[in-house]
Amino acid sequence: MDKTAALAALAALGQDTRLEVFRLLVRAGPQGVPAGEIATRLGTVQNTTSAHLKILDHAGLVRAEREGRTIRYVADMTGVRDLLAFLMEDCCNGAPELCQPVIEAVTCGC
């Protein structure tokens, strides 16, 4: 991930509703959540939620999967890993063992 992509991802997460959408999708795991259900769960307007999802998608943090007439959104764990790798690229000034607790905390089997 380059600096421009990292800034886009951080900017996408820097808005309250988008952060809540992203966290909802991370909790949902690989099965994701249909777009309409995201709006319902968060109590937001569907077209506004759609705009937020588009920003998260362009930032590489979520991806859309079409199922007939439904669009299901899933947290893009590759994008998340790329962002975390960028943020921790020069971790601990050459002593990566100091960052091991952080790496272990964000490592999951997804």
C-alpha atoms as a PDB file:
ATOM      1  CA  MET A   1       0.000   0.000   0.000  1.00  0.00           C
ATOM      2  CA  ASP A   2       1.292   3.453  -0.825  1.00  0.00           C
ATOM      3  CA  LYS A   3       0.831   6.667   1.124  1.00  0.00           C
ATOM      4  CA  THR A   4      -2.065   7.889  -1.043  1.00  0.00           C
ATOM      5  CA  ALA A   5      -4.037   4.661  -0.557  1.00  0.00           C
ATOM      6  CA  ALA A   6      -3.329   4.708   3.194  1.00  0.00           C
ATOM      7  CA  LEU A   7      -4.589   8.278   3.447  1.00  0.00           C
ATOM      8  CA  ALA A   8      -7.767   7.344   1.555  1.00  0.00           C
ATOM      9  CA  ALA A   9      -8.388   4.416   3.921  1.00  0.00           C
ATOM     10  CA  LEU A  10      -7.775   6.508   7.022  1.00  0.00           C
ATOM     11  CA  ALA A  11      -9.988   9.317   5.696  1.00  0.00           C
ATOM     12  CA  ALA A  12     -12.744   6.793   4.977  1.00  0.00           C
ATOM     13  CA  LEU A  13     -12.569   5.531   8.560  1.00  0.00           C
ATOM     14  CA  GLY A  14     -12.358   9.077   9.926  1.00  0.00           C
ATOM     15  CA  GLN A  15     -16.114   9.610   9.631  1.00  0.00           C
ATOM     16  CA  ASP A  16     -18.452   8.325  12.352  1.00  0.00           C
ATOM     17  CA  THR A  17     -20.996   6.450  10.207  1.00  0.00           C
ATOM     18  CA  ARG A  18     -18.349   4.881   7.970  1.00  0.00           C
ATOM     19  CA  LEU A  19     -16.422   3.699  11.009  1.00  0.00           C
ATOM     20  CA  GLU A  20     -19.611   2.107  12.377  1.00  0.00           C
ATOM     21  CA  VAL A  21     -20.339   0.465   9.003  1.00  0.00           C
ATOM     22  CA  PHE A  22     -16.799  -0.897   8.839  1.00  0.00           C
ATOM     23  CA  ARG A  23     -16.931  -2.260  12.395  1.00  0.00           C
ATOM     24  CA  LEU A  24     -20.317  -3.871  11.677  1.00  0.00           C
ATOM     25  CA  LEU A  25     -18.851  -5.625   8.632  1.00  0.00           C
ATOM     26  CA  VAL A  26     -15.766  -6.767  10.539  1.00  0.00           C
ATOM     27  CA  ARG A  27     -18.039  -8.286  13.216  1.00  0.00           C
ATOM     28  CA  ALA A  28     -20.154  -9.974  10.521  1.00  0.00           C
ATOM     29  CA  GLY A  29     -17.124 -11.813   9.160  1.00  0.00           C
ATOM     30  CA  PRO A  30     -16.912 -13.399   5.721  1.00  0.00           C
ATOM     31  CA  GLN A  31     -20.688 -13.720   5.255  1.00  0.00           C
ATOM     32  CA  GLY A  32     -21.030  -9.912   5.281  1.00  0.00           C
ATOM     33  CA  VAL A  33     -24.300  -7.984   5.482  1.00  0.00           C
ATOM     34  CA  PRO A  34     -26.766  -6.920   2.765  1.00  0.00           C
ATOM     35  CA  ALA A  35     -26.709  -3.161   2.063  1.00  0.00           C
ATOM     36  CA  GLY A  36     -30.291  -2.585   3.211  1.00  0.00           C
ATOM     37  CA  GLU A  37     -29.684  -4.430   6.453  1.00  0.00           C
ATOM     38  CA  ILE A  38     -26.622  -2.283   7.190  1.00  0.00           C
ATOM     39  CA  ALA A  39     -28.798   0.828   7.017  1.00  0.00           C
ATOM     40  CA  THR A  40     -31.471  -0.775   9.194  1.00  0.00           C
ATOM     41  CA  ARG A  41     -29.021  -1.960  11.862  1.00  0.00           C
ATOM     42  CA  LEU A  42     -27.349   1.442  12.082  1.00  0.00           C
ATOM     43  CA  GLY A  43     -30.561   3.453  11.806  1.00  0.00           C
ATOM     44  CA  THR A  44     -29.317   5.390   8.785  1.00  0.00           C
ATOM     45  CA  VAL A  45     -30.944   6.405   5.518  1.00  0.00           C
ATOM     46  CA  GLN A  46     -30.333   3.786   2.821  1.00  0.00           C
ATOM     47  CA  ASN A  47     -29.006   6.133   0.109  1.00  0.00           C
ATOM     48  CA  THR A  48     -26.668   7.840   2.595  1.00  0.00           C
ATOM     49  CA  THR A  49     -25.416   4.424   3.714  1.00  0.00           C
ATOM     50  CA  SER A  50     -24.862   3.556   0.073  1.00  0.00           C
ATOM     51  CA  ALA A  51     -22.649   6.625  -0.352  1.00  0.00           C
ATOM     52  CA  HIS A  52     -20.639   5.649   2.738  1.00  0.00           C
ATOM     53  CA  LEU A  53     -20.231   2.088   1.437  1.00  0.00           C
ATOM     54  CA  LYS A  54     -18.960   3.430  -1.885  1.00  0.00           C
ATOM     55  CA  ILE A  55     -16.279   5.481  -0.101  1.00  0.00           C
ATOM     56  CA  LEU A  56     -15.211   2.453   1.962  1.00  0.00           C
ATOM     57  CA  ASP A  57     -15.148   0.339  -1.201  1.00  0.00           C
ATOM     58  CA  HIS A  58     -12.976   2.863  -3.075  1.00  0.00           C
ATOM     59  CA  ALA A  59     -10.640   2.941  -0.066  1.00  0.00           C
ATOM     60  CA  GLY A  60     -10.204  -0.849  -0.319  1.00  0.00           C
ATOM     61  CA  LEU A  61     -11.732  -1.572   3.073  1.00  0.00           C
ATOM     62  CA  VAL A  62     -14.937  -3.310   1.961  1.00  0.00           C
ATOM     63  CA  ARG A  63     -16.080  -5.124  -1.146  1.00  0.00           C
ATOM     64  CA  ALA A  64     -19.488  -5.659  -2.679  1.00  0.00           C
ATOM     65  CA  GLU A  65     -20.773  -9.085  -3.671  1.00  0.00           C
ATOM     66  CA  ARG A  66     -23.915  -9.302  -5.795  1.00  0.00           C
ATOM     67  CA  GLU A  67     -26.450 -12.008  -4.920  1.00  0.00           C
ATOM     68  CA  GLY A  68     -29.279 -11.675  -7.423  1.00  0.00           C
ATOM     69  CA  ARG A  69     -30.906  -8.335  -6.653  1.00  0.00           C
ATOM     70  CA  THR A  70     -29.113  -7.959  -3.334  1.00  0.00           C
ATOM     71  CA  ILE A  71     -25.677  -6.462  -2.769  1.00  0.00           C
ATOM     72  CA  ARG A  72     -23.884  -7.901   0.234  1.00  0.00           C
ATOM     73  CA  TYR A  73     -20.924  -6.010   1.692  1.00  0.00           C
ATOM     74  CA  VAL A  74     -17.967  -7.713   3.323  1.00  0.00           C
ATOM     75  CA  ALA A  75     -14.961  -6.228   5.126  1.00  0.00           C
ATOM     76  CA  ASP A  76     -11.978  -6.609   2.808  1.00  0.00           C
ATOM     77  CA  MET A  77      -9.432  -8.096   5.176  1.00  0.00           C
ATOM     78  CA  THR A  78      -6.676  -7.842   2.554  1.00  0.00           C
ATOM     79  CA  GLY A  79      -7.184  -4.071   2.454  1.00  0.00           C
ATOM     80  CA  VAL A  80      -7.187  -3.931   6.243  1.00  0.00           C
ATOM     81  CA  ARG A  81      -3.983  -5.983   6.428  1.00  0.00           C
ATOM     82  CA  ASP A  82      -2.351  -3.743   3.817  1.00  0.00           C
ATOM     83  CA  LEU A  83      -3.272  -0.642   5.830  1.00  0.00           C
ATOM     84  CA  LEU A  84      -1.933  -2.139   9.061  1.00  0.00           C
ATOM     85  CA  ALA A  85       1.256  -3.246   7.310  1.00  0.00           C
ATOM     86  CA  PHE A  86       1.755   0.274   5.956  1.00  0.00           C
ATOM     87  CA  LEU A  87       1.221   1.806   9.389  1.00  0.00           C
ATOM     88  CA  MET A  88       3.653  -0.605  11.027  1.00  0.00           C
ATOM     89  CA  GLU A  89       6.185  -0.793   8.186  1.00  0.00           C
ATOM     90  CA  ASP A  90       9.019   0.744  10.175  1.00  0.00           C
ATOM     91  CA  CYS A  91       7.895  -0.676  13.467  1.00  0.00           C
ATOM     92  CA  CYS A  92      10.009  -0.041  16.526  1.00  0.00           C
ATOM     93  CA  ASN A  93      13.090   1.225  14.701  1.00  0.00           C
ATOM     94  CA  GLY A  94      14.472  -2.185  13.830  1.00  0.00           C
ATOM     95  CA  ALA A  95      13.202  -4.034  16.891  1.00  0.00           C
ATOM     96  CA  PRO A  96      10.049  -5.739  15.539  1.00  0.00           C
ATOM     97  CA  GLU A  97       9.761  -7.943  18.632  1.00  0.00           C
ATOM     98  CA  LEU A  98       8.509  -4.845  20.463  1.00  0.00           C
ATOM     99  CA  CYS A  99       5.555  -4.739  18.068  1.00  0.00           C
ATOM    100  CA  GLN A 100       4.724  -8.431  18.436  1.00  0.00           C
ATOM    101  CA  PRO A 101       1.874  -7.846  20.922  1.00  0.00           C
ATOM    102  CA  VAL A 102       0.202  -5.500  18.422  1.00  0.00           C
ATOM    103  CA  ILE A 103       0.668  -7.976  15.573  1.00  0.00           C
ATOM    104  CA  GLU A 104      -0.772 -10.805  17.670  1.00  0.00           C
ATOM    105  CA  ALA A 105      -3.756  -8.649  18.688  1.00  0.00           C
ATOM    106  CA  VAL A 106      -4.754  -7.954  15.079  1.00  0.00           C
ATOM    107  CA  THR A 107      -4.045 -11.398  13.693  1.00  0.00           C
ATOM    108  CA  CYS A 108      -7.079 -13.515  13.036  1.00  0.00           C
ATOM    109  CA  GLY A 109      -7.909 -16.500  10.888  1.00  0.00           C
ATOM    110  CA  CYS A 110      -9.945 -14.531   8.337  1.00  0.00           C
END
